[in-house]
N, C-alpha and C. Protein backbone atom coordinates (compact mmCIF):
# COMPACT_ATOMS: atom_id res chain seq x y z
N MET A 1 0.84 -1.17 0.00
CA MET A 1 0.00 0.00 0.00
C MET A 1 0.89 1.24 0.00
N PRO A 2 0.66 2.18 -0.91
CA PRO A 2 1.48 3.39 -0.97
C PRO A 2 1.34 4.23 0.29
N ALA A 3 2.44 4.89 0.63
CA ALA A 3 2.42 5.78 1.80
C ALA A 3 1.75 7.09 1.41
N ASP A 4 1.03 7.66 2.37
CA ASP A 4 0.46 8.99 2.10
C ASP A 4 1.32 10.04 2.80
N THR A 5 1.06 11.28 2.47
CA THR A 5 1.87 12.38 2.99
C THR A 5 1.88 12.40 4.51
N GLN A 6 0.74 12.18 5.13
CA GLN A 6 0.68 12.25 6.59
C GLN A 6 1.53 11.16 7.24
N GLN A 7 1.57 9.96 6.65
CA GLN A 7 2.41 8.90 7.19
C GLN A 7 3.88 9.31 7.15
N ILE A 8 4.28 9.93 6.06
CA ILE A 8 5.68 10.35 5.91
C ILE A 8 5.99 11.45 6.92
N VAL A 9 5.09 12.40 7.07
CA VAL A 9 5.30 13.49 8.02
C VAL A 9 5.34 12.94 9.45
N ASP A 10 4.47 11.99 9.76
CA ASP A 10 4.48 11.39 11.10
C ASP A 10 5.80 10.66 11.37
N ALA A 11 6.28 9.93 10.36
CA ALA A 11 7.56 9.22 10.52
C ALA A 11 8.69 10.22 10.70
N ALA A 12 8.64 11.33 9.96
CA ALA A 12 9.68 12.36 10.10
C ALA A 12 9.65 12.97 11.49
N GLU A 13 8.46 13.18 12.03
CA GLU A 13 8.36 13.73 13.39
C GLU A 13 8.93 12.76 14.41
N LYS A 14 8.65 11.47 14.25
CA LYS A 14 9.22 10.47 15.14
C LYS A 14 10.75 10.47 15.05
N LEU A 15 11.26 10.57 13.83
CA LEU A 15 12.71 10.62 13.63
C LEU A 15 13.29 11.84 14.31
N GLY A 16 12.64 12.98 14.15
CA GLY A 16 13.10 14.20 14.81
C GLY A 16 13.15 14.04 16.32
N LYS A 17 12.14 13.41 16.89
CA LYS A 17 12.13 13.18 18.34
C LYS A 17 13.25 12.24 18.76
N LEU A 18 13.51 11.22 17.96
CA LEU A 18 14.62 10.30 18.26
C LEU A 18 15.95 11.05 18.25
N ILE A 19 16.11 11.93 17.28
CA ILE A 19 17.35 12.70 17.20
C ILE A 19 17.52 13.59 18.43
N THR A 20 16.41 14.17 18.91
CA THR A 20 16.51 15.02 20.11
C THR A 20 16.91 14.22 21.34
N GLU A 21 16.70 12.93 21.31
CA GLU A 21 17.07 12.07 22.44
C GLU A 21 18.48 11.50 22.31
N HIS A 22 19.13 11.76 21.20
CA HIS A 22 20.48 11.22 20.97
C HIS A 22 21.51 12.00 21.79
N ALA A 23 22.51 11.30 22.28
CA ALA A 23 23.54 11.91 23.13
C ALA A 23 24.30 13.03 22.41
N SER A 24 24.46 12.92 21.11
CA SER A 24 25.22 13.96 20.40
C SER A 24 24.51 15.31 20.44
N LEU A 25 23.19 15.30 20.43
CA LEU A 25 22.45 16.56 20.51
C LEU A 25 22.56 17.15 21.91
N THR A 26 22.52 16.31 22.92
CA THR A 26 22.69 16.77 24.30
C THR A 26 24.06 17.39 24.49
N ARG A 27 25.10 16.70 24.00
CA ARG A 27 26.47 17.23 24.12
C ARG A 27 26.61 18.56 23.37
N TYR A 28 25.98 18.65 22.20
CA TYR A 28 26.05 19.87 21.42
C TYR A 28 25.40 21.04 22.17
N ALA A 29 24.20 20.82 22.72
CA ALA A 29 23.50 21.88 23.43
C ALA A 29 24.28 22.33 24.67
N GLU A 30 24.85 21.37 25.39
CA GLU A 30 25.64 21.71 26.58
C GLU A 30 26.91 22.48 26.20
N ALA A 31 27.57 22.04 25.15
CA ALA A 31 28.80 22.73 24.71
C ALA A 31 28.48 24.13 24.20
N GLN A 32 27.35 24.28 23.53
CA GLN A 32 26.94 25.59 23.02
C GLN A 32 26.68 26.56 24.19
N LYS A 33 26.02 26.06 25.23
CA LYS A 33 25.77 26.89 26.42
C LYS A 33 27.08 27.27 27.10
N ALA A 34 28.00 26.32 27.19
CA ALA A 34 29.29 26.58 27.84
C ALA A 34 30.07 27.65 27.10
N VAL A 35 30.06 27.61 25.77
CA VAL A 35 30.76 28.62 24.99
C VAL A 35 30.08 29.98 25.18
N GLY A 36 28.76 29.99 25.17
CA GLY A 36 28.02 31.23 25.35
C GLY A 36 28.24 31.86 26.71
N ALA A 37 28.50 31.03 27.71
CA ALA A 37 28.71 31.53 29.07
C ALA A 37 30.17 31.87 29.36
N ASP A 38 31.06 31.58 28.42
CA ASP A 38 32.49 31.83 28.62
C ASP A 38 32.84 33.24 28.13
N PRO A 39 33.15 34.17 29.04
CA PRO A 39 33.42 35.54 28.62
C PRO A 39 34.63 35.64 27.68
N GLU A 40 35.63 34.81 27.89
CA GLU A 40 36.82 34.86 27.03
C GLU A 40 36.47 34.40 25.61
N ALA A 41 35.71 33.33 25.50
CA ALA A 41 35.31 32.85 24.17
C ALA A 41 34.45 33.90 23.47
N SER A 42 33.52 34.49 24.20
CA SER A 42 32.67 35.53 23.62
C SER A 42 33.49 36.72 23.14
N ARG A 43 34.46 37.12 23.94
CA ARG A 43 35.32 38.24 23.57
C ARG A 43 36.12 37.91 22.31
N LEU A 44 36.68 36.70 22.26
CA LEU A 44 37.47 36.30 21.10
C LEU A 44 36.63 36.24 19.82
N PHE A 45 35.42 35.69 19.93
CA PHE A 45 34.55 35.63 18.76
C PHE A 45 34.17 37.03 18.30
N ALA A 46 33.85 37.91 19.23
CA ALA A 46 33.47 39.28 18.86
C ALA A 46 34.64 40.00 18.21
N GLU A 47 35.83 39.82 18.76
CA GLU A 47 37.02 40.46 18.20
C GLU A 47 37.32 39.90 16.81
N PHE A 48 37.18 38.59 16.66
CA PHE A 48 37.41 37.96 15.36
C PHE A 48 36.42 38.50 14.32
N ASP A 49 35.14 38.59 14.71
CA ASP A 49 34.12 39.11 13.80
C ASP A 49 34.42 40.55 13.38
N ARG A 50 34.84 41.37 14.34
CA ARG A 50 35.19 42.76 14.03
C ARG A 50 36.34 42.83 13.04
N GLU A 51 37.39 42.05 13.29
CA GLU A 51 38.55 42.04 12.40
C GLU A 51 38.16 41.57 11.00
N LEU A 52 37.36 40.52 10.95
CA LEU A 52 36.93 39.97 9.67
C LEU A 52 36.11 40.98 8.88
N MET A 53 35.20 41.65 9.55
CA MET A 53 34.37 42.69 8.90
C MET A 53 35.25 43.83 8.39
N ALA A 54 36.19 44.26 9.20
CA ALA A 54 37.07 45.36 8.81
C ALA A 54 37.87 44.98 7.57
N LEU A 55 38.38 43.75 7.54
CA LEU A 55 39.15 43.31 6.38
C LEU A 55 38.27 43.21 5.13
N ALA A 56 37.06 42.73 5.30
CA ALA A 56 36.14 42.61 4.16
C ALA A 56 35.81 44.00 3.60
N GLN A 57 35.56 44.94 4.48
CA GLN A 57 35.27 46.31 4.04
C GLN A 57 36.48 46.92 3.33
N GLN A 58 37.63 46.64 3.88
CA GLN A 58 38.87 47.15 3.30
C GLN A 58 39.06 46.58 1.88
N GLU A 59 38.82 45.28 1.72
CA GLU A 59 38.96 44.65 0.41
C GLU A 59 37.93 45.20 -0.57
N GLN A 60 36.69 45.41 -0.10
CA GLN A 60 35.64 45.96 -0.97
C GLN A 60 35.99 47.37 -1.42
N ALA A 61 36.68 48.11 -0.59
CA ALA A 61 37.09 49.47 -0.94
C ALA A 61 38.32 49.47 -1.84
N GLY A 62 38.83 48.29 -2.15
CA GLY A 62 39.99 48.19 -3.03
C GLY A 62 41.31 48.42 -2.33
N GLN A 63 41.29 48.42 -1.01
CA GLN A 63 42.52 48.62 -0.25
C GLN A 63 43.20 47.28 0.01
N GLU A 64 44.49 47.31 0.01
CA GLU A 64 45.27 46.09 0.23
C GLU A 64 45.19 45.68 1.70
N VAL A 65 45.04 44.37 1.93
CA VAL A 65 45.09 43.84 3.28
C VAL A 65 46.55 43.59 3.61
N LEU A 66 46.99 44.18 4.69
CA LEU A 66 48.40 44.09 5.07
C LEU A 66 48.71 42.75 5.73
N PRO A 67 49.94 42.28 5.59
CA PRO A 67 50.33 41.02 6.22
C PRO A 67 50.08 41.03 7.74
N GLN A 68 50.28 42.17 8.40
CA GLN A 68 50.05 42.25 9.84
C GLN A 68 48.58 42.01 10.18
N GLN A 69 47.69 42.48 9.30
CA GLN A 69 46.26 42.29 9.53
C GLN A 69 45.89 40.81 9.38
N LYS A 70 46.45 40.16 8.36
CA LYS A 70 46.20 38.73 8.17
C LYS A 70 46.74 37.94 9.35
N GLN A 71 47.91 38.34 9.82
CA GLN A 71 48.52 37.65 10.96
C GLN A 71 47.66 37.82 12.21
N ARG A 72 47.13 39.01 12.42
CA ARG A 72 46.26 39.27 13.57
C ARG A 72 45.02 38.37 13.52
N LEU A 73 44.45 38.21 12.34
CA LEU A 73 43.29 37.34 12.18
C LEU A 73 43.66 35.89 12.47
N GLN A 74 44.81 35.46 12.00
CA GLN A 74 45.28 34.09 12.27
C GLN A 74 45.51 33.86 13.75
N LEU A 75 46.08 34.85 14.43
CA LEU A 75 46.30 34.72 15.88
C LEU A 75 44.98 34.60 16.63
N LEU A 76 44.00 35.37 16.20
CA LEU A 76 42.68 35.28 16.83
C LEU A 76 42.08 33.89 16.59
N GLN A 77 42.22 33.39 15.37
CA GLN A 77 41.72 32.04 15.06
C GLN A 77 42.38 31.00 15.95
N GLN A 78 43.68 31.13 16.13
CA GLN A 78 44.40 30.18 16.98
C GLN A 78 43.93 30.28 18.42
N SER A 79 43.72 31.49 18.90
CA SER A 79 43.24 31.68 20.27
C SER A 79 41.87 31.05 20.46
N ILE A 80 41.01 31.23 19.47
CA ILE A 80 39.67 30.64 19.53
C ILE A 80 39.78 29.12 19.53
N ALA A 81 40.61 28.59 18.63
CA ALA A 81 40.73 27.14 18.49
C ALA A 81 41.33 26.47 19.72
N THR A 82 42.13 27.21 20.50
CA THR A 82 42.75 26.60 21.67
C THR A 82 41.91 26.75 22.94
N ASN A 83 40.81 27.50 22.86
CA ASN A 83 39.90 27.62 23.99
C ASN A 83 39.24 26.26 24.21
N LEU A 84 39.35 25.71 25.40
CA LEU A 84 38.85 24.36 25.67
C LEU A 84 37.35 24.22 25.44
N LYS A 85 36.59 25.24 25.78
CA LYS A 85 35.14 25.17 25.58
C LYS A 85 34.79 25.22 24.10
N VAL A 86 35.54 26.00 23.36
CA VAL A 86 35.32 26.06 21.91
C VAL A 86 35.70 24.72 21.27
N LYS A 87 36.78 24.12 21.75
CA LYS A 87 37.19 22.80 21.24
C LYS A 87 36.09 21.78 21.49
N ALA A 88 35.55 21.76 22.70
CA ALA A 88 34.48 20.82 23.04
C ALA A 88 33.26 21.07 22.17
N PHE A 89 32.96 22.35 21.93
CA PHE A 89 31.82 22.69 21.07
C PHE A 89 32.07 22.20 19.65
N SER A 90 33.26 22.40 19.12
CA SER A 90 33.59 21.96 17.76
C SER A 90 33.45 20.45 17.61
N ILE A 91 33.90 19.72 18.61
CA ILE A 91 33.78 18.26 18.57
C ILE A 91 32.32 17.84 18.62
N ALA A 92 31.54 18.46 19.51
CA ALA A 92 30.12 18.13 19.63
C ALA A 92 29.38 18.48 18.34
N GLN A 93 29.74 19.60 17.75
CA GLN A 93 29.12 20.02 16.49
C GLN A 93 29.43 19.02 15.38
N MET A 94 30.67 18.54 15.33
CA MET A 94 31.06 17.57 14.32
C MET A 94 30.29 16.24 14.52
N GLU A 95 30.14 15.81 15.77
CA GLU A 95 29.41 14.57 16.04
C GLU A 95 27.95 14.69 15.62
N LEU A 96 27.31 15.81 15.94
CA LEU A 96 25.92 16.01 15.56
C LEU A 96 25.78 16.10 14.04
N THR A 97 26.67 16.81 13.40
CA THR A 97 26.63 16.93 11.95
C THR A 97 26.80 15.56 11.30
N ASP A 98 27.67 14.73 11.86
CA ASP A 98 27.88 13.39 11.32
C ASP A 98 26.60 12.56 11.46
N LEU A 99 25.94 12.64 12.60
CA LEU A 99 24.68 11.92 12.80
C LEU A 99 23.64 12.37 11.77
N LEU A 100 23.48 13.68 11.61
CA LEU A 100 22.49 14.20 10.67
C LEU A 100 22.83 13.82 9.23
N ARG A 101 24.12 13.78 8.91
CA ARG A 101 24.54 13.35 7.57
C ARG A 101 24.17 11.89 7.32
N LYS A 102 24.43 11.04 8.32
CA LYS A 102 24.09 9.62 8.19
C LYS A 102 22.59 9.43 8.01
N VAL A 103 21.80 10.15 8.79
CA VAL A 103 20.34 10.06 8.69
C VAL A 103 19.90 10.49 7.29
N SER A 104 20.44 11.60 6.84
CA SER A 104 20.07 12.13 5.53
C SER A 104 20.43 11.15 4.41
N GLN A 105 21.62 10.61 4.45
CA GLN A 105 22.04 9.65 3.43
C GLN A 105 21.17 8.40 3.46
N THR A 106 20.76 8.00 4.65
CA THR A 106 19.97 6.77 4.80
C THR A 106 18.60 6.91 4.16
N TRP A 107 17.93 8.05 4.35
CA TRP A 107 16.61 8.18 3.73
C TRP A 107 16.72 8.52 2.25
N GLN A 108 17.82 9.16 1.85
CA GLN A 108 17.97 9.52 0.44
C GLN A 108 18.27 8.32 -0.46
N ARG A 109 18.95 7.32 0.10
CA ARG A 109 19.35 6.15 -0.71
C ARG A 109 18.15 5.46 -1.35
N PRO A 110 17.11 5.06 -0.56
CA PRO A 110 15.98 4.39 -1.22
C PRO A 110 15.20 5.31 -2.17
N VAL A 111 15.18 6.60 -1.88
CA VAL A 111 14.51 7.55 -2.78
C VAL A 111 15.24 7.58 -4.12
N ALA A 112 16.55 7.65 -4.07
CA ALA A 112 17.35 7.66 -5.31
C ALA A 112 17.18 6.35 -6.06
N ASP A 113 17.20 5.24 -5.33
CA ASP A 113 17.05 3.94 -5.97
C ASP A 113 15.68 3.81 -6.63
N ALA A 114 14.65 4.37 -6.00
CA ALA A 114 13.29 4.28 -6.54
C ALA A 114 13.13 5.11 -7.81
N GLN A 115 14.05 6.02 -8.05
CA GLN A 115 13.97 6.84 -9.26
C GLN A 115 14.42 6.07 -10.49
N GLY A 116 15.05 4.92 -10.26
CA GLY A 116 15.19 3.94 -11.29
C GLY A 116 16.36 3.89 -12.23
N ALA A 117 17.27 4.80 -12.25
CA ALA A 117 18.38 4.69 -13.20
C ALA A 117 19.25 3.50 -12.82
N PRO A 118 19.52 2.60 -13.79
CA PRO A 118 20.39 1.47 -13.47
C PRO A 118 21.77 1.97 -13.08
N ARG A 119 22.38 1.26 -12.17
CA ARG A 119 23.68 1.70 -11.67
C ARG A 119 24.75 0.66 -11.99
N VAL A 120 25.93 1.18 -12.21
CA VAL A 120 27.10 0.34 -12.39
C VAL A 120 27.45 -0.23 -11.02
N PRO A 121 27.87 -1.48 -10.92
CA PRO A 121 28.26 -2.00 -9.60
C PRO A 121 29.22 -1.05 -8.89
N GLY A 122 28.98 -0.83 -7.62
CA GLY A 122 29.81 0.09 -6.84
C GLY A 122 29.21 1.48 -6.79
N GLY A 123 28.04 1.68 -7.42
CA GLY A 123 27.35 2.96 -7.33
C GLY A 123 27.99 4.07 -8.11
N GLN A 124 28.65 3.76 -9.23
CA GLN A 124 29.37 4.78 -9.98
C GLN A 124 28.51 5.48 -11.03
N GLY A 125 27.20 5.35 -10.96
CA GLY A 125 26.34 6.09 -11.87
C GLY A 125 25.69 5.17 -12.88
N PRO A 126 24.93 5.75 -13.82
CA PRO A 126 24.18 4.96 -14.78
C PRO A 126 25.12 4.19 -15.73
N GLN A 127 24.60 3.07 -16.21
CA GLN A 127 25.34 2.32 -17.22
C GLN A 127 25.16 3.02 -18.54
N GLY A 128 25.96 2.65 -19.54
CA GLY A 128 25.88 3.28 -20.85
C GLY A 128 24.50 3.17 -21.45
N GLY A 129 24.29 3.80 -22.61
CA GLY A 129 22.99 3.73 -23.27
C GLY A 129 22.27 5.05 -23.18
N ALA A 130 20.98 4.97 -22.92
CA ALA A 130 20.14 6.16 -22.89
C ALA A 130 20.58 7.11 -21.79
N PRO A 131 20.41 8.42 -22.01
CA PRO A 131 20.77 9.38 -20.97
C PRO A 131 19.92 9.16 -19.72
N PRO A 132 20.46 9.45 -18.56
CA PRO A 132 19.71 9.22 -17.33
C PRO A 132 18.51 10.16 -17.25
N SER A 133 17.47 9.68 -16.57
CA SER A 133 16.31 10.54 -16.36
C SER A 133 16.62 11.51 -15.23
N PRO A 134 15.85 12.61 -15.13
CA PRO A 134 16.10 13.55 -14.02
C PRO A 134 15.98 12.85 -12.69
N ARG A 135 16.81 13.25 -11.75
CA ARG A 135 16.83 12.62 -10.42
C ARG A 135 16.71 13.67 -9.36
N LEU A 136 16.07 13.30 -8.26
CA LEU A 136 15.97 14.16 -7.10
C LEU A 136 17.35 14.24 -6.46
N VAL A 137 17.85 15.44 -6.26
CA VAL A 137 19.16 15.62 -5.66
C VAL A 137 18.97 16.43 -4.39
N MET A 138 19.46 15.89 -3.28
CA MET A 138 19.34 16.55 -1.99
C MET A 138 20.73 16.88 -1.47
N PRO A 139 20.90 18.04 -0.88
CA PRO A 139 22.21 18.36 -0.29
C PRO A 139 22.49 17.42 0.87
N GLY A 140 23.75 17.17 1.11
CA GLY A 140 23.97 16.34 2.26
C GLY A 140 25.28 15.75 2.31
């Protein structure tokens, strides 16, 4: 029996709830709060944003960006990257992104297969012959 739109939406809602219960989302939310509550991290991010905006405006005005300015931006990046709370946030963000990527690839695979273009073994695309039909392409 074909699925109707409401069944798909209901399944998506269940999936969303499962994701909210996953440890990677909990770690991400906690790490995000920790970074937000860290005055040093906030200061570094604000300073980095100011420097980046200033350089972008300078480039748009046709002015050369000086090596000292690039170095200052790199030093700020290094300071941000070495902040322990920012490191924890980056790791948590990567774990959550990986989970969401896996979920996305998992539901996209049967959709792509159902679109019907024959595939070369190993998933390298359509076999020779007629041009492939249009396919649904999702970012991910």
